[in-house]
Amino acid sequence: MESPALERHSAKNVSELSEQDWESLRHELGNQRMLGMSLDAGGHLTHGFRPNISGKMFQQRSYGTDPETGLLDYDRVRAAAREFKPLVLIAGYSAYPRRVNFAKMREIADEVGATLMVDMAHFAGLVAGKVFTGDEDPVPHAHVTTTTTHKSLRGPRGGLVLATEEYAGAVDRGCPMVLGGPLSHVMAAKAVALAEARQPSFRDYAQKIADNAKSLAEGFLSRGARLVTGGTDNHIVLLDVTSFGLTGRQAESALLDSGVVTNRNSIPADPNGAWYTSGIRFGTPALTTRGFGHDEFDRVAELVCDVLSSTSPNSTKAGTPSKATYTLADGVADRTRAASAELLDKHPLYPGLELS
């Protein structure tokens, strides 16, 4: 049955609801508390942050990582859960370059009576490909598991929600409550992607994703670059660009000028905040699909370091280093584009397909 608060506000558009409206809803629905990984530690905006609808529906608090290592500290997560007593404990990440022990996260959730929800959108392919097994496979441990079907699962743009029987009815009500008009061709494409994920070849692909991430990380480290957590155990490499004297925004833009598409990303305790950031996030699934291996990813690291070493921040009118504008040394962009094209030409997206 819909609550009186929901009935009162159902005629309003979500954007029209005031903070008082949301507070009224949270109060009437009871313990609307969500505990998720902080944005700078690698969490996602949908994990309870105020600009997102989840941050309005829930009173949110974040857990971070160890300030020295950048790694998850499960004792700290447990302490935060005991103090906050969330309704939902969220595990999973979009920019954390290590694996998570989901069995421990379930223990913490059970201890405080919370529902464990795992967002595996970024690493679902490593789960399907059996790179993550046992305590590192979220599906046997989570009450609810959400994922996209693209990214490392290599399917169409879309999503899936997996749930235990206890939550199945609530999840099924998502259509038509928050989802309408399922597209038949996307459903068919998801079925194809899941069928492919069951093949032995997909396991080989998933393992190569992880192996290639280590190769990329080693390529950066061998050239003196600094990585968040010092390496990777999954498909993500998070580069701390402050070692180049740059912000994430400057690094992202300079690389894009050079034909290298990346995205800037926060790092733990980011000195430049969530807009300018201090990191650049790399993932290996797409280039692994192209056939890149150790040598190619080492070359990618070389090209990236060359661009960033050749980029310098401009000065503001006050004479301080700019966080946005920069100067890229002459010839670097053209040189990098040519080298990138050479790499890609050796690994065409559709081998054997000639364009007239």
Protein backbone atom coordinates (compact mmCIF):
# COMPACT_ATOMS: atom_id res chain seq x y z
CA MET A 1 0.00 0.00 0.00
CA GLU A 2 1.29 3.43 -0.88
CA SER A 3 2.11 5.61 2.11
CA PRO A 4 0.18 8.85 2.74
CA ALA A 5 3.37 10.81 2.12
CA LEU A 6 3.83 9.16 -1.26
CA GLU A 7 0.18 9.82 -2.11
CA ARG A 8 0.51 13.49 -1.23
CA HIS A 9 3.53 13.97 -3.43
CA SER A 10 2.73 11.56 -6.27
CA ALA A 11 1.24 14.31 -8.42
CA LYS A 12 4.46 16.32 -8.28
CA ASN A 13 7.35 15.93 -10.62
CA VAL A 14 10.45 14.68 -8.78
CA SER A 15 12.24 17.93 -9.60
CA GLU A 16 9.44 19.86 -7.89
CA LEU A 17 9.86 18.16 -4.52
CA SER A 18 11.42 20.40 -1.90
CA GLU A 19 13.88 19.23 0.75
CA GLN A 20 10.98 19.40 3.20
CA ASP A 21 8.99 17.04 0.95
CA TRP A 22 11.90 14.59 0.81
CA GLU A 23 12.42 14.80 4.57
CA SER A 24 8.71 14.05 5.05
CA LEU A 25 9.01 10.98 2.82
CA ARG A 26 12.15 9.75 4.54
CA HIS A 27 10.56 10.18 7.95
CA GLU A 28 7.36 8.36 7.02
CA LEU A 29 9.14 5.48 5.32
CA GLY A 30 11.24 4.85 8.41
CA ASN A 31 14.95 4.04 8.35
CA GLN A 32 15.89 5.53 4.98
CA ARG A 33 19.62 5.31 5.52
CA MET A 34 22.20 4.29 2.94
CA LEU A 35 25.90 3.61 3.49
CA GLY A 36 28.07 3.48 0.39
CA MET A 37 31.64 4.00 -0.79
CA SER A 38 32.67 7.65 -0.98
CA LEU A 39 33.05 9.24 -4.39
CA ASP A 40 36.74 10.02 -3.97
CA ALA A 41 37.45 6.44 -2.85
CA GLY A 42 35.91 5.04 -6.05
CA GLY A 43 32.17 4.95 -5.35
CA HIS A 44 29.47 6.11 -7.74
CA LEU A 45 27.10 9.08 -7.75
CA THR A 46 24.13 6.70 -7.54
CA HIS A 47 25.34 5.35 -4.20
CA GLY A 48 23.51 7.98 -2.21
CA PHE A 49 25.03 11.29 -3.22
CA ARG A 50 22.69 14.27 -2.93
CA PRO A 51 22.59 15.31 -6.64
CA ASN A 52 21.24 11.81 -7.41
CA ILE A 53 17.71 10.62 -6.62
CA SER A 54 19.21 8.09 -4.17
CA GLY A 55 20.65 10.97 -2.16
CA LYS A 56 17.20 12.49 -1.85
CA MET A 57 15.35 9.28 -1.00
CA PHE A 58 17.97 8.26 1.57
CA GLN A 59 19.92 9.85 4.36
CA GLN A 60 23.41 8.97 3.16
CA ARG A 61 26.79 8.40 4.71
CA SER A 62 30.00 7.23 3.06
CA TYR A 63 32.83 4.89 3.94
CA GLY A 64 36.25 5.56 2.49
CA THR A 65 39.56 3.78 2.15
CA ASP A 66 42.72 3.66 4.23
CA PRO A 67 44.40 7.07 3.86
CA GLU A 68 47.85 5.49 3.53
CA THR A 69 47.17 2.58 1.16
CA GLY A 70 43.93 3.60 -0.57
CA LEU A 71 42.58 0.11 0.18
CA LEU A 72 39.24 -0.79 1.73
CA ASP A 73 39.46 -1.22 5.50
CA TYR A 74 36.66 -3.59 6.47
CA ASP A 75 37.01 -2.77 10.17
CA ARG A 76 36.28 0.88 9.35
CA VAL A 77 33.31 -0.12 7.22
CA ARG A 78 32.01 -2.23 10.10
CA ALA A 79 32.44 0.63 12.57
CA ALA A 80 30.59 3.02 10.25
CA ALA A 81 27.75 0.52 9.81
CA ARG A 82 27.44 -0.07 13.55
CA GLU A 83 27.21 3.65 14.22
CA PHE A 84 24.93 4.61 11.29
CA LYS A 85 22.78 1.45 11.16
CA PRO A 86 21.85 1.77 7.47
CA LEU A 87 18.85 0.20 5.80
CA VAL A 88 21.03 -0.45 2.73
CA LEU A 89 24.76 -1.14 2.63
CA ILE A 90 26.15 -0.64 -0.87
CA ALA A 91 29.29 -2.36 -2.11
CA GLY A 92 30.83 -2.08 -5.55
CA TYR A 93 32.63 0.72 -7.32
CA SER A 94 33.31 2.62 -10.51
CA ALA A 95 36.90 3.66 -9.84
CA TYR A 96 38.45 1.36 -7.23
CA PRO A 97 41.37 -0.62 -8.73
CA ARG A 98 41.25 -3.55 -6.33
CA ARG A 99 38.98 -6.49 -5.52
CA VAL A 100 36.34 -6.51 -2.78
CA ASN A 101 35.60 -9.27 -0.27
CA PHE A 102 31.82 -9.45 -0.56
CA ALA A 103 31.54 -12.17 2.07
CA LYS A 104 32.91 -9.68 4.61
CA MET A 105 30.51 -7.01 3.36
CA ARG A 106 27.61 -9.43 3.85
CA GLU A 107 28.78 -10.18 7.40
CA ILE A 108 28.76 -6.46 8.15
CA ALA A 109 25.30 -6.02 6.61
CA ASP A 110 23.88 -8.95 8.57
CA GLU A 111 25.37 -7.68 11.81
CA VAL A 112 23.47 -4.38 11.57
CA GLY A 113 20.35 -5.75 9.86
CA ALA A 114 21.02 -4.04 6.54
CA THR A 115 20.29 -5.16 3.00
CA LEU A 116 23.51 -5.68 1.02
CA MET A 117 23.25 -4.26 -2.47
CA VAL A 118 26.20 -4.70 -4.83
CA ASP A 119 26.73 -2.55 -7.89
CA MET A 120 28.89 -4.66 -10.21
CA ALA A 121 28.24 -2.60 -13.34
CA HIS A 122 31.93 -2.11 -14.04
CA PHE A 123 33.23 -5.58 -13.26
CA ALA A 124 30.35 -7.89 -14.24
CA GLY A 125 32.47 -9.36 -17.04
CA LEU A 126 35.10 -10.43 -14.51
CA VAL A 127 32.36 -12.12 -12.48
CA ALA A 128 30.86 -13.86 -15.52
CA GLY A 129 34.33 -14.81 -16.73
CA LYS A 130 35.24 -16.37 -13.36
CA VAL A 131 38.12 -14.03 -12.67
CA PHE A 132 36.26 -13.10 -9.48
CA THR A 133 35.17 -16.22 -7.61
CA GLY A 134 34.42 -17.24 -4.02
CA ASP A 135 34.32 -14.28 -1.65
CA GLU A 136 35.07 -11.92 -4.56
CA ASP A 137 31.94 -12.98 -6.50
CA PRO A 138 29.13 -10.73 -5.24
CA VAL A 139 26.16 -12.77 -6.48
CA PRO A 140 26.15 -15.48 -3.77
CA HIS A 141 26.54 -12.87 -1.02
CA ALA A 142 24.37 -9.89 -1.97
CA HIS A 143 20.63 -9.57 -1.38
CA VAL A 144 20.42 -7.45 -4.53
CA THR A 145 22.99 -7.19 -7.33
CA THR A 146 22.75 -4.57 -10.07
CA THR A 147 24.77 -4.32 -13.25
CA THR A 148 24.93 -2.80 -16.65
CA THR A 149 25.17 -5.18 -19.59
CA HIS A 150 27.77 -3.16 -21.47
CA LYS A 151 31.22 -2.31 -20.09
CA SER A 152 33.16 -5.49 -19.26
CA LEU A 153 30.16 -7.76 -19.94
CA ARG A 154 30.47 -6.60 -23.56
CA GLY A 155 26.74 -6.52 -24.36
CA PRO A 156 24.22 -3.83 -25.34
CA ARG A 157 23.72 -0.70 -23.29
CA GLY A 158 21.26 -1.69 -20.60
CA GLY A 159 21.03 -3.23 -17.17
CA LEU A 160 20.06 -6.21 -15.04
CA VAL A 161 18.89 -6.57 -11.45
CA LEU A 162 19.47 -9.87 -9.63
CA ALA A 163 17.82 -10.51 -6.28
CA THR A 164 17.16 -13.18 -3.71
CA GLU A 165 13.62 -14.52 -3.50
CA GLU A 166 12.94 -12.23 -0.54
CA TYR A 167 13.35 -9.17 -2.77
CA ALA A 168 12.10 -10.58 -6.08
CA GLY A 169 8.60 -9.14 -5.80
CA ALA A 170 9.85 -5.64 -5.04
CA VAL A 171 12.33 -5.78 -7.93
CA ASP A 172 9.67 -7.03 -10.35
CA ARG A 173 7.49 -4.02 -9.48
CA GLY A 174 10.17 -1.84 -11.00
CA CYS A 175 8.30 -2.32 -14.26
CA PRO A 176 6.17 -0.27 -14.78
CA MET A 177 6.83 1.77 -11.60
CA VAL A 178 10.21 3.17 -12.71
CA LEU A 179 10.72 1.36 -16.02
CA GLY A 180 8.49 1.34 -19.05
CA GLY A 181 8.66 0.22 -22.65
CA PRO A 182 11.28 -2.56 -22.56
CA LEU A 183 12.89 -2.75 -25.99
CA SER A 184 12.69 -6.20 -27.58
CA HIS A 185 15.87 -5.87 -29.60
CA VAL A 186 17.84 -4.87 -26.49
CA MET A 187 16.41 -7.84 -24.59
CA ALA A 188 17.53 -10.10 -27.43
CA ALA A 189 20.98 -8.52 -27.45
CA LYS A 190 21.28 -9.11 -23.69
CA ALA A 191 20.43 -12.78 -24.25
CA VAL A 192 23.18 -13.02 -26.88
CA ALA A 193 25.69 -11.31 -24.56
CA LEU A 194 24.84 -13.66 -21.69
CA ALA A 195 25.11 -16.69 -23.98
CA GLU A 196 28.55 -15.49 -25.08
CA ALA A 197 29.57 -14.98 -21.46
CA ARG A 198 28.97 -18.69 -20.83
CA GLN A 199 31.56 -19.74 -23.43
CA PRO A 200 35.13 -20.74 -22.54
CA SER A 201 36.38 -17.98 -24.85
CA PHE A 202 34.77 -15.38 -22.60
CA ARG A 203 36.74 -16.69 -19.64
CA ASP A 204 39.92 -16.21 -21.67
CA TYR A 205 38.81 -12.67 -22.53
CA ALA A 206 38.01 -11.83 -18.88
CA GLN A 207 41.40 -13.08 -17.70
CA LYS A 208 43.14 -11.06 -20.40
CA ILE A 209 41.30 -7.95 -19.16
CA ALA A 210 42.86 -8.39 -15.72
CA ASP A 211 46.28 -9.34 -17.11
CA ASN A 212 46.29 -6.33 -19.42
CA ALA A 213 45.38 -4.00 -16.55
CA LYS A 214 48.47 -5.23 -14.70
CA SER A 215 50.56 -4.66 -17.83
CA LEU A 216 49.24 -1.10 -18.12
CA ALA A 217 49.91 -0.47 -14.43
CA GLU A 218 53.44 -1.83 -14.73
CA GLY A 219 54.00 0.38 -17.78
CA PHE A 220 53.06 3.46 -15.79
CA LEU A 221 55.07 2.51 -12.72
CA SER A 222 58.19 1.73 -14.74
CA ARG A 223 58.05 5.30 -16.07
CA GLY A 224 57.77 6.87 -12.64
CA ALA A 225 54.03 7.56 -12.63
CA ARG A 226 52.02 7.27 -9.43
CA LEU A 227 48.98 4.97 -9.19
CA VAL A 228 46.23 4.96 -6.58
CA THR A 229 46.79 1.85 -4.37
CA GLY A 230 50.06 1.29 -6.25
CA GLY A 231 48.56 -1.08 -8.84
CA THR A 232 45.44 -3.01 -9.80
CA ASP A 233 43.67 -6.33 -9.20
CA ASN A 234 40.85 -5.78 -11.68
CA HIS A 235 40.34 -3.93 -14.97
CA ILE A 236 40.89 -0.40 -13.65
CA VAL A 237 44.08 1.63 -13.44
CA LEU A 238 43.76 4.96 -11.63
CA LEU A 239 46.59 7.35 -12.41
CA ASP A 240 47.42 10.14 -9.95
CA VAL A 241 48.40 13.00 -12.27
CA THR A 242 49.58 15.34 -9.53
CA SER A 243 53.00 13.72 -10.06
CA PHE A 244 52.98 15.46 -13.47
CA GLY A 245 51.97 18.79 -11.88
CA LEU A 246 48.52 18.60 -13.48
CA THR A 247 44.89 18.36 -12.49
CA GLY A 248 42.69 15.61 -13.84
CA ARG A 249 40.90 18.10 -16.05
CA GLN A 250 44.14 19.27 -17.66
CA ALA A 251 45.37 15.71 -18.16
CA GLU A 252 42.06 14.56 -19.64
CA SER A 253 42.00 17.49 -22.08
CA ALA A 254 45.65 17.17 -23.14
CA LEU A 255 45.18 13.46 -23.81
CA LEU A 256 42.02 14.14 -25.80
CA ASP A 257 43.93 16.71 -27.87
CA SER A 258 46.33 13.86 -28.61
CA GLY A 259 43.62 11.38 -29.62
CA VAL A 260 43.57 9.44 -26.34
CA VAL A 261 40.10 9.29 -24.80
CA THR A 262 40.04 8.98 -21.01
CA ASN A 263 38.07 10.55 -18.18
CA ARG A 264 39.23 12.51 -15.18
CA ASN A 265 38.40 10.99 -11.83
CA SER A 266 38.66 11.83 -8.15
CA ILE A 267 41.28 10.13 -6.03
CA PRO A 268 41.13 9.58 -2.23
CA ALA A 269 41.28 12.90 -0.33
CA ASP A 270 41.47 14.65 -3.70
CA PRO A 271 43.19 18.04 -3.30
CA ASN A 272 41.48 19.37 -6.42
CA GLY A 273 37.92 18.32 -5.58
CA ALA A 274 35.38 16.42 -7.63
CA TRP A 275 35.29 18.84 -10.58
CA TYR A 276 38.94 19.36 -11.48
CA THR A 277 40.05 16.09 -9.81
CA SER A 278 43.58 14.69 -9.59
CA GLY A 279 43.19 11.38 -11.38
CA ILE A 280 42.69 9.77 -14.76
CA ARG A 281 40.83 6.46 -14.95
CA PHE A 282 41.79 3.76 -17.46
CA GLY A 283 40.00 0.51 -18.23
CA THR A 284 41.22 -2.39 -20.35
CA PRO A 285 38.09 -4.21 -21.70
CA ALA A 286 37.71 -2.34 -25.01
CA LEU A 287 41.34 -2.57 -26.11
CA THR A 288 41.46 -6.18 -24.93
CA THR A 289 38.59 -6.85 -27.34
CA ARG A 290 40.72 -5.25 -30.07
CA GLY A 291 43.44 -7.82 -29.33
CA PHE A 292 45.86 -5.68 -27.34
CA GLY A 293 48.27 -7.56 -25.09
CA HIS A 294 51.19 -6.79 -22.79
CA ASP A 295 53.38 -5.01 -25.35
CA GLU A 296 50.55 -2.85 -26.67
CA PHE A 297 49.46 -1.76 -23.20
CA ASP A 298 53.05 -0.93 -22.30
CA ARG A 299 53.10 1.27 -25.40
CA VAL A 300 49.84 2.91 -24.31
CA ALA A 301 51.45 3.77 -20.97
CA GLU A 302 54.45 5.20 -22.81
CA LEU A 303 52.26 7.42 -25.00
CA VAL A 304 50.20 8.65 -22.06
CA CYS A 305 53.28 9.50 -20.00
CA ASP A 306 54.81 11.29 -22.98
CA VAL A 307 51.73 13.50 -23.34
CA LEU A 308 51.44 14.27 -19.63
CA SER A 309 55.17 14.99 -19.29
CA SER A 310 54.83 17.41 -22.21
CA THR A 311 51.90 19.29 -20.65
CA SER A 312 52.26 22.20 -18.26
CA PRO A 313 49.59 24.24 -16.46
CA ASN A 314 49.13 27.84 -17.49
CA SER A 315 49.23 30.63 -14.94
CA THR A 316 46.19 32.55 -13.76
CA LYS A 317 46.07 36.35 -13.69
CA ALA A 318 47.07 36.11 -10.05
CA GLY A 319 50.17 34.19 -11.05
CA THR A 320 49.10 30.85 -9.57
CA PRO A 321 48.93 27.60 -11.59
CA SER A 322 45.62 27.20 -13.41
CA LYS A 323 43.52 24.11 -12.68
CA ALA A 324 41.90 24.15 -16.12
CA THR A 325 44.10 25.59 -18.85
CA TYR A 326 47.40 24.15 -20.01
CA THR A 327 50.01 24.17 -22.75
CA LEU A 328 50.93 21.03 -24.68
CA ALA A 329 54.38 21.05 -26.25
CA ASP A 330 54.48 21.43 -30.04
CA GLY A 331 54.31 18.22 -32.06
CA VAL A 332 53.29 15.93 -29.19
CA ALA A 333 49.62 15.67 -30.17
CA ASP A 334 50.41 14.80 -33.80
CA ARG A 335 53.09 12.32 -32.76
CA THR A 336 50.73 10.57 -30.34
CA ARG A 337 47.87 10.42 -32.83
CA ALA A 338 50.15 8.81 -35.40
CA ALA A 339 51.44 6.25 -32.91
CA SER A 340 47.90 5.46 -31.75
CA ALA A 341 46.73 4.95 -35.33
CA GLU A 342 49.63 2.59 -35.94
CA LEU A 343 48.66 0.51 -32.89
CA LEU A 344 45.00 0.37 -33.88
CA ASP A 345 45.74 -0.48 -37.51
CA LYS A 346 47.43 -3.66 -36.31
CA HIS A 347 44.27 -4.61 -34.39
CA PRO A 348 41.23 -3.67 -36.51
CA LEU A 349 37.84 -3.57 -34.82
CA TYR A 350 36.33 -5.90 -37.45
CA PRO A 351 39.09 -8.05 -38.96
CA GLY A 352 38.42 -8.90 -42.58
CA LEU A 353 35.86 -6.14 -43.06
CA GLU A 354 37.01 -3.72 -45.75
CA LEU A 355 35.31 -0.36 -46.14
CA SER A 356 34.84 0.81 -49.70
